[in-house]
């Protein structure tokens, strides 16, 4: 067997097992940084539907919103919201 397959067929110690079981392990969702930007992806429940508008009245903190993007914004196109 090649040296690159030294773990195949063998039990390996779980070095993070105790941290995970006791709840002290840190996951990506646990990280909080100053001025961290959060995003939310919202998809239409209807296939091939066109979005006619987005109601932003329900934003928790509209003054802290950095903007809304949809459609062709992936490649620097238009459709950038307020």
Protein backbone atom coordinates (compact mmCIF):
# COMPACT_ATOMS: atom_id res chain seq x y z
CA UNK A 1 0.00 0.00 0.00
CA UNK A 2 1.40 3.46 -0.89
CA UNK A 3 2.54 5.77 1.92
CA UNK A 4 -0.20 8.26 0.99
CA UNK A 5 -2.83 5.73 2.16
CA UNK A 6 -1.61 5.22 5.72
CA UNK A 7 -5.08 5.89 7.18
CA UNK A 8 -7.08 3.52 4.97
CA UNK A 9 -8.56 0.69 7.01
CA UNK A 10 -7.37 2.06 10.36
CA UNK A 11 -9.09 3.83 13.23
CA UNK A 12 -7.88 7.37 13.75
CA UNK A 13 -8.06 9.30 17.02
CA UNK A 14 -10.67 12.05 17.07
CA UNK A 15 -8.63 14.88 18.52
CA UNK A 16 -11.64 17.23 18.58
CA UNK A 17 -14.10 14.68 19.97
CA UNK A 18 -13.96 15.86 23.58
CA UNK A 19 -14.48 19.51 22.56
CA UNK A 20 -17.50 18.59 20.44
CA UNK A 21 -19.10 16.42 23.11
CA UNK A 22 -18.61 18.98 25.88
CA UNK A 23 -19.81 21.90 23.73
CA UNK A 24 -16.55 23.82 23.89
CA UNK A 25 -15.70 23.37 20.19
CA UNK A 26 -15.83 26.54 18.07
CA UNK A 27 -17.73 26.41 14.79
CA UNK A 28 -17.95 29.02 12.01
CA UNK A 29 -21.45 30.02 13.18
CA UNK A 30 -20.03 30.80 16.64
CA UNK A 31 -17.64 33.49 15.37
CA UNK A 32 -18.64 37.12 15.94
CA UNK A 33 -16.46 39.97 14.70
CA UNK A 34 -16.80 43.75 15.00
CA UNK A 35 -18.72 45.29 12.07
CA UNK A 36 -19.53 41.85 10.71
CA UNK A 37 -21.92 41.89 7.76
CA UNK A 38 -24.70 39.30 7.63
CA UNK A 39 -26.53 38.18 4.52
CA UNK A 40 -29.81 36.45 3.90
CA UNK A 41 -30.72 34.63 0.72
CA UNK A 42 -34.36 34.70 -0.24
CA UNK A 43 -35.59 32.57 -3.11
CA UNK A 44 -38.92 32.65 -4.85
CA UNK A 45 -41.21 29.73 -4.05
CA UNK A 46 -42.33 29.81 -7.70
CA UNK A 47 -40.15 28.43 -10.48
CA UNK A 48 -39.20 30.95 -13.21
CA UNK A 49 -41.15 33.74 -11.46
CA UNK A 50 -40.17 37.36 -11.97
CA UNK A 51 -39.71 39.50 -8.87
CA UNK A 52 -41.84 42.61 -9.30
CA UNK A 53 -40.76 44.25 -6.06
CA UNK A 54 -39.31 43.74 -2.60
CA UNK A 55 -41.04 45.08 0.49
CA UNK A 56 -38.31 46.44 2.79
CA UNK A 57 -40.73 47.79 5.40
CA UNK A 58 -40.15 44.75 7.62
CA UNK A 59 -36.39 45.25 7.99
CA UNK A 60 -35.41 45.15 11.64
CA UNK A 61 -32.92 48.01 11.34
CA UNK A 62 -33.32 49.63 7.91
CA UNK A 63 -30.75 52.32 8.75
CA UNK A 64 -28.12 49.60 9.16
CA UNK A 65 -28.92 47.89 5.86
CA UNK A 66 -26.11 48.07 3.30
CA UNK A 67 -28.40 47.28 0.39
CA UNK A 68 -30.34 44.69 -1.49
CA UNK A 69 -29.07 42.83 -4.53
CA UNK A 70 -30.93 40.59 -6.91
CA UNK A 71 -30.88 39.22 -10.44
CA UNK A 72 -27.83 40.05 -12.49
CA UNK A 73 -25.84 41.70 -9.68
CA UNK A 74 -23.51 38.70 -9.55
CA UNK A 75 -21.45 40.01 -12.46
CA UNK A 76 -21.70 43.70 -11.60
CA UNK A 77 -24.96 44.18 -13.49
CA UNK A 78 -27.90 46.33 -12.51
CA UNK A 79 -30.85 45.66 -10.20
CA UNK A 80 -29.23 47.02 -7.05
CA UNK A 81 -31.81 47.99 -4.49
CA UNK A 82 -31.85 50.85 -1.95
